[in-house]
């Protein structure tokens, strides 16, 4: 089953958002256009409590983008974003969400971040996405969304580890740090993933 996974296409990651991915909103018309190509569409949603420890404001004297150790894991500190129940946590208003069968929320535990849509960063808790996809009989997964070098990337890698076929739709994903994205592209290919453009669907 050909499955599209829309990763974190939320207002706070769009231009003007709390954790802006420059040009991130350009993915929305691309995603809307490719929806008919898929038998199953699901989405992930960053859904942080306000006291989440990945937020720099929750650490006295620490700055945004500083790296700390959090419960034994390296953690980059972010500005508050995608806080539960806020407008910034909503999907982009122009995203066509009618075909989305299920939404998997992540990052809800204040003690640990969750870049991947399948697991938290310490692999302590599953979101249930992997099991859901298996139950649905999905095997060919296509990833799009934000940011290409963080949540999309880690979701895709976890999908490969779980035995799914995983493909990045590159023109439907935008990296937060474009200069570092080339090494991530190479890593995706090296680990068995594929990279295509929407016109190749």
N, C-alpha and C. Protein backbone atom coordinates (compact mmCIF):
# COMPACT_ATOMS: atom_id res chain seq x y z
N UNK A 1 0.85 -1.20 0.00
CA UNK A 1 0.00 0.00 0.00
C UNK A 1 0.88 1.25 0.00
N UNK A 2 0.62 2.13 -0.95
CA UNK A 2 1.40 3.36 -1.10
C UNK A 2 0.90 4.38 -0.07
N UNK A 3 1.77 4.75 0.84
CA UNK A 3 1.37 5.56 2.00
C UNK A 3 2.17 6.86 2.08
N UNK A 4 1.47 7.97 2.27
CA UNK A 4 2.11 9.27 2.47
C UNK A 4 2.10 9.62 3.94
N UNK A 5 3.27 10.00 4.45
CA UNK A 5 3.36 10.47 5.84
C UNK A 5 3.76 11.96 5.82
N UNK A 6 2.83 12.79 6.25
CA UNK A 6 3.05 14.24 6.29
C UNK A 6 3.59 14.57 7.69
N UNK A 7 4.83 15.01 7.74
CA UNK A 7 5.50 15.24 9.03
C UNK A 7 5.42 16.73 9.42
N UNK A 8 4.73 17.00 10.51
CA UNK A 8 4.79 18.30 11.20
C UNK A 8 4.59 19.51 10.28
N UNK A 9 3.59 19.46 9.42
CA UNK A 9 3.30 20.60 8.55
C UNK A 9 2.49 21.64 9.33
N UNK A 10 3.13 22.17 10.37
CA UNK A 10 2.45 23.01 11.37
C UNK A 10 2.86 24.47 11.28
N UNK A 11 1.98 25.34 11.74
CA UNK A 11 2.17 26.79 11.59
C UNK A 11 3.49 27.26 12.20
N UNK A 12 3.88 26.72 13.35
CA UNK A 12 5.11 27.20 14.01
C UNK A 12 6.38 26.91 13.21
N UNK A 13 6.31 25.97 12.26
CA UNK A 13 7.48 25.68 11.42
C UNK A 13 7.45 26.44 10.10
N UNK A 14 6.38 27.16 9.85
CA UNK A 14 6.21 27.92 8.61
C UNK A 14 6.79 29.33 8.77
N UNK A 15 7.01 30.06 7.67
CA UNK A 15 7.48 31.43 7.76
C UNK A 15 6.64 32.26 8.74
N UNK A 16 7.32 32.95 9.65
CA UNK A 16 6.65 33.74 10.67
C UNK A 16 6.33 32.96 11.92
N UNK A 17 6.58 31.63 11.91
CA UNK A 17 6.31 30.80 13.07
C UNK A 17 7.41 30.86 14.11
N UNK A 18 7.16 30.23 15.24
CA UNK A 18 8.09 30.29 16.37
C UNK A 18 9.43 29.61 16.07
N UNK A 19 9.41 28.58 15.22
CA UNK A 19 10.64 27.89 14.83
C UNK A 19 10.61 27.75 13.31
N UNK A 20 10.78 28.88 12.66
CA UNK A 20 10.56 29.01 11.22
C UNK A 20 11.56 28.21 10.39
N UNK A 21 11.04 27.43 9.45
CA UNK A 21 11.85 26.83 8.40
C UNK A 21 11.68 27.73 7.18
N UNK A 22 12.75 28.37 6.78
CA UNK A 22 12.66 29.36 5.71
C UNK A 22 12.12 28.71 4.43
N UNK A 23 11.05 29.30 3.90
CA UNK A 23 10.43 28.76 2.69
C UNK A 23 9.61 27.50 2.93
N UNK A 24 9.34 27.19 4.20
CA UNK A 24 8.63 25.96 4.54
C UNK A 24 7.24 25.85 3.95
N UNK A 25 6.59 26.99 3.73
CA UNK A 25 5.21 26.95 3.24
C UNK A 25 5.11 26.53 1.77
N UNK A 26 6.26 26.48 1.07
CA UNK A 26 6.20 26.08 -0.34
C UNK A 26 5.84 24.60 -0.51
N UNK A 27 5.92 23.83 0.57
CA UNK A 27 5.59 22.41 0.47
C UNK A 27 4.08 22.17 0.40
N UNK A 28 3.28 23.12 0.88
CA UNK A 28 1.84 22.89 1.02
C UNK A 28 1.16 22.61 -0.31
N UNK A 29 1.35 23.45 -1.35
CA UNK A 29 0.71 23.12 -2.63
C UNK A 29 1.21 21.82 -3.24
N UNK A 30 2.47 21.49 -2.99
CA UNK A 30 3.03 20.23 -3.51
C UNK A 30 2.34 19.04 -2.85
N UNK A 31 2.22 19.10 -1.52
CA UNK A 31 1.55 18.01 -0.79
C UNK A 31 0.11 17.86 -1.26
N UNK A 32 -0.60 18.98 -1.37
CA UNK A 32 -2.00 18.92 -1.80
C UNK A 32 -2.15 18.28 -3.18
N UNK A 33 -1.17 18.57 -4.04
CA UNK A 33 -1.23 18.05 -5.41
C UNK A 33 -0.98 16.54 -5.48
N UNK A 34 -0.13 16.03 -4.58
CA UNK A 34 0.24 14.61 -4.67
C UNK A 34 -0.70 13.68 -3.89
N UNK A 35 -1.59 14.23 -3.08
CA UNK A 35 -2.46 13.40 -2.24
C UNK A 35 -3.19 12.29 -3.01
N UNK A 36 -3.69 12.56 -4.21
CA UNK A 36 -4.43 11.50 -4.92
C UNK A 36 -3.58 10.29 -5.30
N UNK A 37 -2.27 10.41 -5.23
CA UNK A 37 -1.39 9.29 -5.59
C UNK A 37 -1.34 8.21 -4.52
N UNK A 38 -1.91 8.47 -3.34
CA UNK A 38 -1.71 7.57 -2.21
C UNK A 38 -3.00 6.91 -1.75
N UNK A 39 -2.85 5.63 -1.37
CA UNK A 39 -3.99 4.87 -0.85
C UNK A 39 -4.23 5.17 0.63
N UNK A 40 -3.18 5.58 1.32
CA UNK A 40 -3.28 5.90 2.75
C UNK A 40 -2.47 7.16 3.02
N UNK A 41 -3.05 8.08 3.79
CA UNK A 41 -2.35 9.31 4.18
C UNK A 41 -2.47 9.46 5.69
N UNK A 42 -1.32 9.64 6.36
CA UNK A 42 -1.31 9.91 7.79
C UNK A 42 -0.41 11.13 8.04
N UNK A 43 -0.53 11.70 9.22
CA UNK A 43 0.26 12.88 9.57
C UNK A 43 0.81 12.75 10.98
N UNK A 44 1.95 13.42 11.20
CA UNK A 44 2.46 13.55 12.57
C UNK A 44 2.31 15.01 12.98
N UNK A 45 2.26 15.21 14.29
CA UNK A 45 2.04 16.55 14.84
C UNK A 45 2.87 16.71 16.11
N UNK A 46 3.80 17.67 16.08
CA UNK A 46 4.52 18.04 17.29
C UNK A 46 3.49 18.60 18.27
N UNK A 47 3.53 18.13 19.52
CA UNK A 47 2.44 18.49 20.46
C UNK A 47 3.03 18.58 21.86
N UNK A 48 3.78 19.68 22.08
CA UNK A 48 4.55 19.82 23.31
C UNK A 48 3.76 20.49 24.43
N UNK A 49 3.93 20.01 25.66
CA UNK A 49 3.45 20.79 26.81
C UNK A 49 4.34 22.03 26.97
N UNK A 50 3.80 23.07 27.59
CA UNK A 50 4.56 24.33 27.74
C UNK A 50 5.83 24.16 28.55
N UNK A 51 5.87 23.13 29.43
CA UNK A 51 7.05 22.93 30.28
C UNK A 51 8.05 21.95 29.67
N UNK A 52 7.97 21.76 28.35
CA UNK A 52 8.87 20.79 27.71
C UNK A 52 10.33 21.20 27.87
N UNK A 53 11.16 20.25 28.24
CA UNK A 53 12.55 20.57 28.54
C UNK A 53 13.44 20.72 27.32
N UNK A 54 12.86 20.61 26.12
CA UNK A 54 13.62 20.96 24.92
C UNK A 54 13.55 22.46 24.65
N UNK A 55 12.74 23.18 25.42
CA UNK A 55 12.61 24.62 25.25
C UNK A 55 13.67 25.33 26.10
N UNK A 56 14.42 26.21 25.48
CA UNK A 56 15.48 26.94 26.19
C UNK A 56 14.94 27.71 27.38
N UNK A 57 13.72 28.24 27.27
CA UNK A 57 13.15 29.06 28.35
C UNK A 57 12.94 28.25 29.64
N UNK A 58 12.94 26.94 29.52
CA UNK A 58 12.75 26.09 30.70
C UNK A 58 14.06 25.69 31.36
N UNK A 59 15.17 26.34 30.93
CA UNK A 59 16.49 26.12 31.54
C UNK A 59 17.12 27.47 31.84
N UNK A 60 17.27 27.78 33.10
CA UNK A 60 17.83 29.07 33.52
C UNK A 60 19.22 29.29 32.93
N UNK A 61 19.40 30.43 32.28
CA UNK A 61 20.71 30.80 31.76
C UNK A 61 21.09 30.13 30.45
N UNK A 62 20.19 29.34 29.87
CA UNK A 62 20.50 28.65 28.60
C UNK A 62 19.86 29.39 27.43
N UNK A 63 20.50 29.29 26.27
CA UNK A 63 20.05 30.00 25.08
C UNK A 63 19.50 29.04 24.02
N UNK A 64 18.67 29.60 23.16
CA UNK A 64 18.14 28.84 22.03
C UNK A 64 19.30 28.32 21.17
N UNK A 65 19.19 27.08 20.74
CA UNK A 65 20.15 26.35 19.91
C UNK A 65 21.40 25.89 20.67
N UNK A 66 21.46 26.20 21.97
CA UNK A 66 22.53 25.64 22.80
C UNK A 66 22.25 24.14 22.96
N UNK A 67 23.33 23.35 23.11
CA UNK A 67 23.18 21.91 23.27
C UNK A 67 23.49 21.53 24.71
N UNK A 68 22.58 20.79 25.32
CA UNK A 68 22.77 20.33 26.70
C UNK A 68 22.61 18.81 26.75
N UNK A 69 22.83 18.25 27.93
CA UNK A 69 22.48 16.85 28.14
C UNK A 69 21.16 16.82 28.90
N UNK A 70 20.21 16.06 28.37
CA UNK A 70 18.90 15.95 29.01
C UNK A 70 18.59 14.47 29.23
N UNK A 71 18.60 14.07 30.50
CA UNK A 71 18.33 12.67 30.85
C UNK A 71 19.19 11.69 30.05
N UNK A 72 20.47 12.04 29.93
CA UNK A 72 21.43 11.14 29.27
C UNK A 72 21.51 11.27 27.76
N UNK A 73 20.72 12.15 27.18
CA UNK A 73 20.73 12.34 25.73
C UNK A 73 21.15 13.77 25.38
N UNK A 74 21.85 13.91 24.26
CA UNK A 74 22.18 15.24 23.77
C UNK A 74 20.90 15.92 23.30
N UNK A 75 20.70 17.16 23.72
CA UNK A 75 19.47 17.87 23.38
C UNK A 75 19.77 19.29 22.93
N UNK A 76 19.39 19.62 21.71
CA UNK A 76 19.46 21.01 21.26
C UNK A 76 18.26 21.73 21.84
N UNK A 77 18.48 22.94 22.33
CA UNK A 77 17.39 23.72 22.93
C UNK A 77 16.72 24.59 21.87
N UNK A 78 15.40 24.56 21.87
CA UNK A 78 14.62 25.24 20.85
C UNK A 78 13.79 26.37 21.48
N UNK A 79 13.34 27.31 20.67
CA UNK A 79 12.32 28.24 21.17
C UNK A 79 11.02 27.46 21.40
N UNK A 80 10.16 27.91 22.31
CA UNK A 80 8.88 27.23 22.49
C UNK A 80 8.14 27.16 21.15
N UNK A 81 7.65 25.98 20.80
CA UNK A 81 6.96 25.80 19.53
C UNK A 81 5.96 24.65 19.64
N UNK A 82 4.94 24.71 18.83
CA UNK A 82 3.92 23.65 18.76
C UNK A 82 3.43 23.25 20.14
N UNK A 83 3.15 24.28 20.95
CA UNK A 83 2.64 24.03 22.30
C UNK A 83 1.17 23.60 22.20
N UNK A 84 0.85 22.56 22.94
CA UNK A 84 -0.49 21.96 22.89
C UNK A 84 -1.59 23.01 22.97
N UNK A 85 -2.52 22.96 22.02
CA UNK A 85 -3.68 23.83 22.04
C UNK A 85 -3.47 25.23 21.50
N UNK A 86 -2.24 25.55 21.06
CA UNK A 86 -1.98 26.88 20.51
C UNK A 86 -2.15 26.87 18.99
N UNK A 87 -2.32 28.04 18.43
CA UNK A 87 -2.47 28.18 16.97
C UNK A 87 -1.23 27.65 16.25
N UNK A 88 -0.07 27.88 16.84
CA UNK A 88 1.18 27.45 16.21
C UNK A 88 1.29 25.93 16.05
N UNK A 89 0.55 25.20 16.86
CA UNK A 89 0.58 23.73 16.78
C UNK A 89 -0.37 23.20 15.71
N UNK A 90 -1.24 24.07 15.18
CA UNK A 90 -2.18 23.64 14.15
C UNK A 90 -1.46 23.38 12.83
N UNK A 91 -2.08 22.55 12.00
CA UNK A 91 -1.56 22.36 10.65
C UNK A 91 -1.74 23.65 9.85
N UNK A 92 -0.89 23.84 8.85
CA UNK A 92 -1.02 25.00 7.97
C UNK A 92 -2.45 25.04 7.42
N UNK A 93 -3.11 26.19 7.48
CA UNK A 93 -4.53 26.25 7.10
C UNK A 93 -4.81 25.85 5.65
N UNK A 94 -3.81 25.97 4.78
CA UNK A 94 -4.03 25.61 3.37
C UNK A 94 -3.79 24.13 3.09
N UNK A 95 -3.28 23.39 4.10
CA UNK A 95 -3.06 21.96 3.90
C UNK A 95 -4.40 21.23 3.80
N UNK A 96 -4.54 20.42 2.79
CA UNK A 96 -5.77 19.63 2.61
C UNK A 96 -5.70 18.43 3.55
N UNK A 97 -6.48 18.46 4.61
CA UNK A 97 -6.40 17.41 5.63
C UNK A 97 -7.51 16.37 5.54
N UNK A 98 -8.46 16.55 4.63
CA UNK A 98 -9.57 15.59 4.55
C UNK A 98 -9.09 14.15 4.31
N UNK A 99 -8.05 13.92 3.49
CA UNK A 99 -7.62 12.54 3.25
C UNK A 99 -6.80 11.92 4.38
N UNK A 100 -6.45 12.71 5.41
CA UNK A 100 -5.60 12.21 6.49
C UNK A 100 -6.42 11.28 7.39
N UNK A 101 -6.06 10.00 7.38
CA UNK A 101 -6.83 9.00 8.15
C UNK A 101 -6.51 9.02 9.63
N UNK A 102 -5.27 9.35 9.97
CA UNK A 102 -4.87 9.33 11.38
C UNK A 102 -3.75 10.34 11.61
N UNK A 103 -3.75 10.91 12.83
CA UNK A 103 -2.72 11.87 13.24
C UNK A 103 -2.00 11.29 14.45
N UNK A 104 -0.68 11.25 14.38
CA UNK A 104 0.13 10.73 15.48
C UNK A 104 0.89 11.88 16.12
N UNK A 105 0.56 12.15 17.38
CA UNK A 105 1.19 13.26 18.10
C UNK A 105 2.46 12.79 18.79
N UNK A 106 3.42 13.70 18.88
CA UNK A 106 4.72 13.35 19.46
C UNK A 106 5.27 14.51 20.28
N UNK A 107 6.26 14.20 21.13
CA UNK A 107 6.88 15.25 21.94
C UNK A 107 6.04 15.66 23.13
N UNK A 108 5.17 14.77 23.60
CA UNK A 108 4.28 15.12 24.70
C UNK A 108 4.91 14.94 26.08
N UNK A 109 5.91 14.08 26.18
CA UNK A 109 6.60 13.86 27.46
C UNK A 109 7.58 15.01 27.67
N UNK A 110 7.42 15.80 28.74
CA UNK A 110 8.29 16.96 28.94
C UNK A 110 9.76 16.62 29.15
N UNK A 111 10.04 15.36 29.46
CA UNK A 111 11.42 14.96 29.79
C UNK A 111 12.24 14.51 28.59
N UNK A 112 11.60 14.33 27.43
CA UNK A 112 12.34 13.80 26.27
C UNK A 112 11.74 14.34 24.98
N UNK A 113 12.62 14.67 24.03
CA UNK A 113 12.15 15.17 22.74
C UNK A 113 11.80 14.00 21.83
N UNK A 114 11.12 14.30 20.75
CA UNK A 114 10.69 13.26 19.82
C UNK A 114 10.73 13.81 18.41
N UNK A 115 11.88 13.63 17.75
CA UNK A 115 12.00 14.10 16.37
C UNK A 115 11.25 13.17 15.42
N UNK A 116 11.42 11.88 15.63
CA UNK A 116 10.79 10.88 14.78
C UNK A 116 9.29 10.77 15.05
N UNK A 117 8.55 10.47 14.00
CA UNK A 117 7.12 10.23 14.17
C UNK A 117 6.81 8.83 14.68
N UNK A 118 7.86 8.01 14.86
CA UNK A 118 7.65 6.64 15.30
C UNK A 118 8.01 6.41 16.76
N UNK A 119 9.07 7.10 17.23
CA UNK A 119 9.58 6.90 18.59
C UNK A 119 10.08 8.22 19.16
N UNK A 120 10.20 8.28 20.49
CA UNK A 120 10.91 9.41 21.09
C UNK A 120 12.41 9.23 20.85
N UNK A 121 13.19 10.25 21.18
CA UNK A 121 14.62 10.24 20.87
C UNK A 121 15.40 9.18 21.64
N UNK A 122 14.84 8.69 22.73
CA UNK A 122 15.53 7.66 23.51
C UNK A 122 14.97 6.26 23.26
N UNK A 123 14.03 6.16 22.34
CA UNK A 123 13.38 4.87 22.00
C UNK A 123 12.74 4.23 23.24
N UNK A 124 12.22 5.08 24.12
CA UNK A 124 11.55 4.58 25.32
C UNK A 124 10.07 4.33 25.05
N UNK A 125 9.50 5.10 24.13
CA UNK A 125 8.07 4.99 23.88
C UNK A 125 7.77 5.11 22.39
N UNK A 126 6.90 4.23 21.90
CA UNK A 126 6.45 4.29 20.52
C UNK A 126 5.23 5.20 20.41
N UNK A 127 5.10 5.87 19.28
CA UNK A 127 3.90 6.67 19.03
C UNK A 127 2.74 5.78 18.59
N UNK A 128 3.06 4.54 18.18
CA UNK A 128 2.05 3.63 17.64
C UNK A 128 1.95 3.67 16.13
N UNK A 129 2.69 4.59 15.49
CA UNK A 129 2.61 4.74 14.04
C UNK A 129 3.07 3.47 13.31
N UNK A 130 4.18 2.90 13.75
CA UNK A 130 4.71 1.70 13.09
C UNK A 130 3.70 0.55 13.12
N UNK A 131 3.12 0.31 14.29
CA UNK A 131 2.14 -0.75 14.43
C UNK A 131 0.89 -0.49 13.60
N UNK A 132 0.48 0.77 13.55
CA UNK A 132 -0.68 1.15 12.75
C UNK A 132 -0.44 0.84 11.27
N UNK A 133 0.75 1.22 10.79
CA UNK A 133 1.08 0.99 9.39
C UNK A 133 1.13 -0.50 9.07
N UNK A 134 1.68 -1.28 9.99
CA UNK A 134 1.72 -2.73 9.79
C UNK A 134 0.32 -3.32 9.72
N UNK A 135 -0.54 -2.87 10.63
CA UNK A 135 -1.93 -3.36 10.64
C UNK A 135 -2.66 -3.00 9.35
N UNK A 136 -2.32 -1.85 8.79
CA UNK A 136 -2.95 -1.39 7.55
C UNK A 136 -2.40 -2.11 6.32
N UNK A 137 -1.27 -2.82 6.50
CA UNK A 137 -0.63 -3.48 5.37
C UNK A 137 0.21 -2.55 4.53
N UNK A 138 0.61 -1.42 5.13
CA UNK A 138 1.44 -0.44 4.41
C UNK A 138 2.89 -0.92 4.39
N UNK A 139 3.52 -0.82 3.24
CA UNK A 139 4.93 -1.21 3.15
C UNK A 139 5.78 -0.14 2.48
N UNK A 140 5.19 0.59 1.53
CA UNK A 140 5.91 1.63 0.80
C UNK A 140 5.53 3.00 1.35
N UNK A 141 6.44 3.59 2.12
CA UNK A 141 6.17 4.86 2.79
C UNK A 141 6.87 6.00 2.07
N UNK A 142 6.15 7.10 1.90
CA UNK A 142 6.70 8.30 1.29
C UNK A 142 6.59 9.44 2.30
N UNK A 143 7.70 10.15 2.51
CA UNK A 143 7.75 11.17 3.55
C UNK A 143 7.85 12.57 2.96
N UNK A 144 7.11 13.50 3.59
CA UNK A 144 7.18 14.91 3.24
C UNK A 144 6.98 15.71 4.52
N UNK A 145 7.20 17.02 4.46
CA UNK A 145 6.93 17.85 5.63
C UNK A 145 8.15 18.62 6.11
N UNK A 146 8.14 18.95 7.41
CA UNK A 146 9.17 19.80 8.02
C UNK A 146 9.69 19.19 9.32
N UNK A 147 10.91 19.46 9.64
CA UNK A 147 11.92 19.94 8.74
C UNK A 147 12.62 18.72 8.13
N UNK A 148 13.04 18.86 6.88
CA UNK A 148 13.60 17.72 6.15
C UNK A 148 14.82 17.13 6.84
N UNK A 149 15.59 17.97 7.53
CA UNK A 149 16.83 17.51 8.15
C UNK A 149 16.66 17.09 9.61
N UNK A 150 15.44 17.19 10.13
CA UNK A 150 15.23 16.81 11.54
C UNK A 150 14.10 15.78 11.61
N UNK A 151 12.88 16.23 11.73
CA UNK A 151 11.77 15.29 12.00
C UNK A 151 11.46 14.39 10.81
N UNK A 152 11.56 14.91 9.60
CA UNK A 152 11.34 14.07 8.42
C UNK A 152 12.45 13.01 8.34
N UNK A 153 13.68 13.46 8.51
CA UNK A 153 14.85 12.58 8.43
C UNK A 153 14.79 11.46 9.46
N UNK A 154 14.55 11.81 10.72
CA UNK A 154 14.53 10.79 11.78
C UNK A 154 13.34 9.85 11.64
N UNK A 155 12.22 10.35 11.15
CA UNK A 155 11.07 9.49 10.90
C UNK A 155 11.38 8.47 9.80
N UNK A 156 12.02 8.96 8.74
CA UNK A 156 12.37 8.08 7.62
C UNK A 156 13.37 7.00 8.06
N UNK A 157 14.37 7.40 8.84
CA UNK A 157 15.36 6.42 9.32
C UNK A 157 14.72 5.35 10.19
N UNK A 158 13.81 5.77 11.06
CA UNK A 158 13.12 4.78 11.91
C UNK A 158 12.26 3.85 11.08
N UNK A 159 11.65 4.37 10.03
CA UNK A 159 10.85 3.52 9.14
C UNK A 159 11.73 2.47 8.47
N UNK A 160 12.91 2.87 8.04
CA UNK A 160 13.85 1.90 7.44
C UNK A 160 14.24 0.83 8.46
N UNK A 161 14.51 1.26 9.70
CA UNK A 161 14.87 0.30 10.76
C UNK A 161 13.74 -0.70 11.02
N UNK A 162 12.51 -0.26 10.84
CA UNK A 162 11.35 -1.11 11.09
C UNK A 162 11.02 -2.01 9.90
N UNK A 163 11.80 -1.86 8.82
CA UNK A 163 11.62 -2.75 7.68
C UNK A 163 10.72 -2.24 6.57
N UNK A 164 10.30 -0.98 6.66
CA UNK A 164 9.49 -0.39 5.60
C UNK A 164 10.39 0.09 4.46
N UNK A 165 9.83 0.19 3.27
CA UNK A 165 10.48 0.92 2.19
C UNK A 165 10.19 2.40 2.43
N UNK A 166 11.22 3.24 2.40
CA UNK A 166 11.04 4.65 2.76
C UNK A 166 11.64 5.57 1.71
N UNK A 167 10.84 6.51 1.26
CA UNK A 167 11.24 7.44 0.21
C UNK A 167 10.96 8.87 0.64
N UNK A 168 11.93 9.76 0.44
CA UNK A 168 11.74 11.19 0.69
C UNK A 168 11.27 11.86 -0.59
N UNK A 169 10.18 12.61 -0.50
CA UNK A 169 9.75 13.45 -1.63
C UNK A 169 10.39 14.82 -1.42
N UNK A 170 11.49 15.05 -2.12
CA UNK A 170 12.37 16.16 -1.77
C UNK A 170 11.74 17.53 -1.96
N UNK A 171 10.91 17.71 -2.97
CA UNK A 171 10.31 19.03 -3.19
C UNK A 171 9.09 19.26 -2.31
N UNK A 172 8.76 18.27 -1.48
CA UNK A 172 7.68 18.42 -0.50
C UNK A 172 8.23 18.42 0.93
N UNK A 173 9.52 18.76 1.05
CA UNK A 173 10.19 18.84 2.35
C UNK A 173 11.26 19.92 2.28
N UNK A 174 11.42 20.69 3.35
CA UNK A 174 12.40 21.78 3.38
C UNK A 174 13.23 21.64 4.66
N UNK A 175 14.58 21.69 4.54
CA UNK A 175 15.41 21.58 5.74
C UNK A 175 15.50 22.90 6.52
N UNK A 176 15.69 22.77 7.82
CA UNK A 176 15.95 23.95 8.65
C UNK A 176 17.33 24.53 8.34
N UNK A 177 18.30 23.63 8.15
CA UNK A 177 19.68 24.03 7.86
C UNK A 177 20.10 23.47 6.51
N UNK A 178 19.84 24.20 5.42
CA UNK A 178 20.09 23.69 4.06
C UNK A 178 21.55 23.26 3.82
N UNK A 179 22.52 23.94 4.45
CA UNK A 179 23.92 23.61 4.22
C UNK A 179 24.27 22.21 4.70
N UNK A 180 23.56 21.73 5.71
CA UNK A 180 23.86 20.41 6.26
C UNK A 180 23.04 19.30 5.59
N UNK A 181 22.17 19.68 4.68
CA UNK A 181 21.23 18.71 4.15
C UNK A 181 21.86 17.72 3.18
N UNK A 182 22.94 18.12 2.49
CA UNK A 182 23.55 17.21 1.52
C UNK A 182 24.07 15.94 2.19
N UNK A 183 24.65 16.10 3.37
CA UNK A 183 25.15 14.90 4.09
C UNK A 183 23.99 14.02 4.54
N UNK A 184 22.86 14.63 4.85
CA UNK A 184 21.66 13.87 5.24
C UNK A 184 21.10 13.11 4.04
N UNK A 185 21.10 13.74 2.88
CA UNK A 185 20.66 13.06 1.65
C UNK A 185 21.50 11.80 1.42
N UNK A 186 22.80 11.95 1.56
CA UNK A 186 23.71 10.81 1.35
C UNK A 186 23.44 9.70 2.36
N UNK A 187 23.14 10.10 3.61
CA UNK A 187 22.88 9.11 4.66
C UNK A 187 21.59 8.34 4.38
N UNK A 188 20.58 9.03 3.89
CA UNK A 188 19.32 8.37 3.55
C UNK A 188 19.55 7.29 2.49
N UNK A 189 20.30 7.64 1.45
CA UNK A 189 20.60 6.68 0.38
C UNK A 189 21.44 5.52 0.91
N UNK A 190 22.45 5.86 1.70
CA UNK A 190 23.35 4.84 2.27
C UNK A 190 22.59 3.82 3.10
N UNK A 191 21.55 4.28 3.81
CA UNK A 191 20.80 3.39 4.70
C UNK A 191 19.63 2.69 4.01
N UNK A 192 19.53 2.87 2.70
CA UNK A 192 18.52 2.12 1.95
C UNK A 192 17.28 2.89 1.57
N UNK A 193 17.24 4.18 1.90
CA UNK A 193 16.10 5.01 1.50
C UNK A 193 16.25 5.52 0.08
N UNK A 194 15.19 6.10 -0.43
CA UNK A 194 15.20 6.68 -1.77
C UNK A 194 14.82 8.15 -1.68
N UNK A 195 15.23 8.92 -2.69
CA UNK A 195 14.86 10.33 -2.77
C UNK A 195 14.33 10.60 -4.17
N UNK A 196 13.13 11.16 -4.23
CA UNK A 196 12.50 11.48 -5.51
C UNK A 196 11.91 12.88 -5.44
N UNK A 197 11.41 13.35 -6.58
CA UNK A 197 10.60 14.57 -6.62
C UNK A 197 9.16 14.18 -6.89
N UNK A 198 8.25 15.07 -6.60
CA UNK A 198 6.82 14.76 -6.71
C UNK A 198 6.42 14.35 -8.12
N UNK A 199 7.10 14.90 -9.12
CA UNK A 199 6.76 14.54 -10.51
C UNK A 199 7.09 13.09 -10.83
N UNK A 200 7.92 12.46 -9.99
CA UNK A 200 8.30 11.06 -10.24
C UNK A 200 7.32 10.05 -9.65
N UNK A 201 6.28 10.53 -8.96
CA UNK A 201 5.32 9.62 -8.35
C UNK A 201 4.48 8.88 -9.39
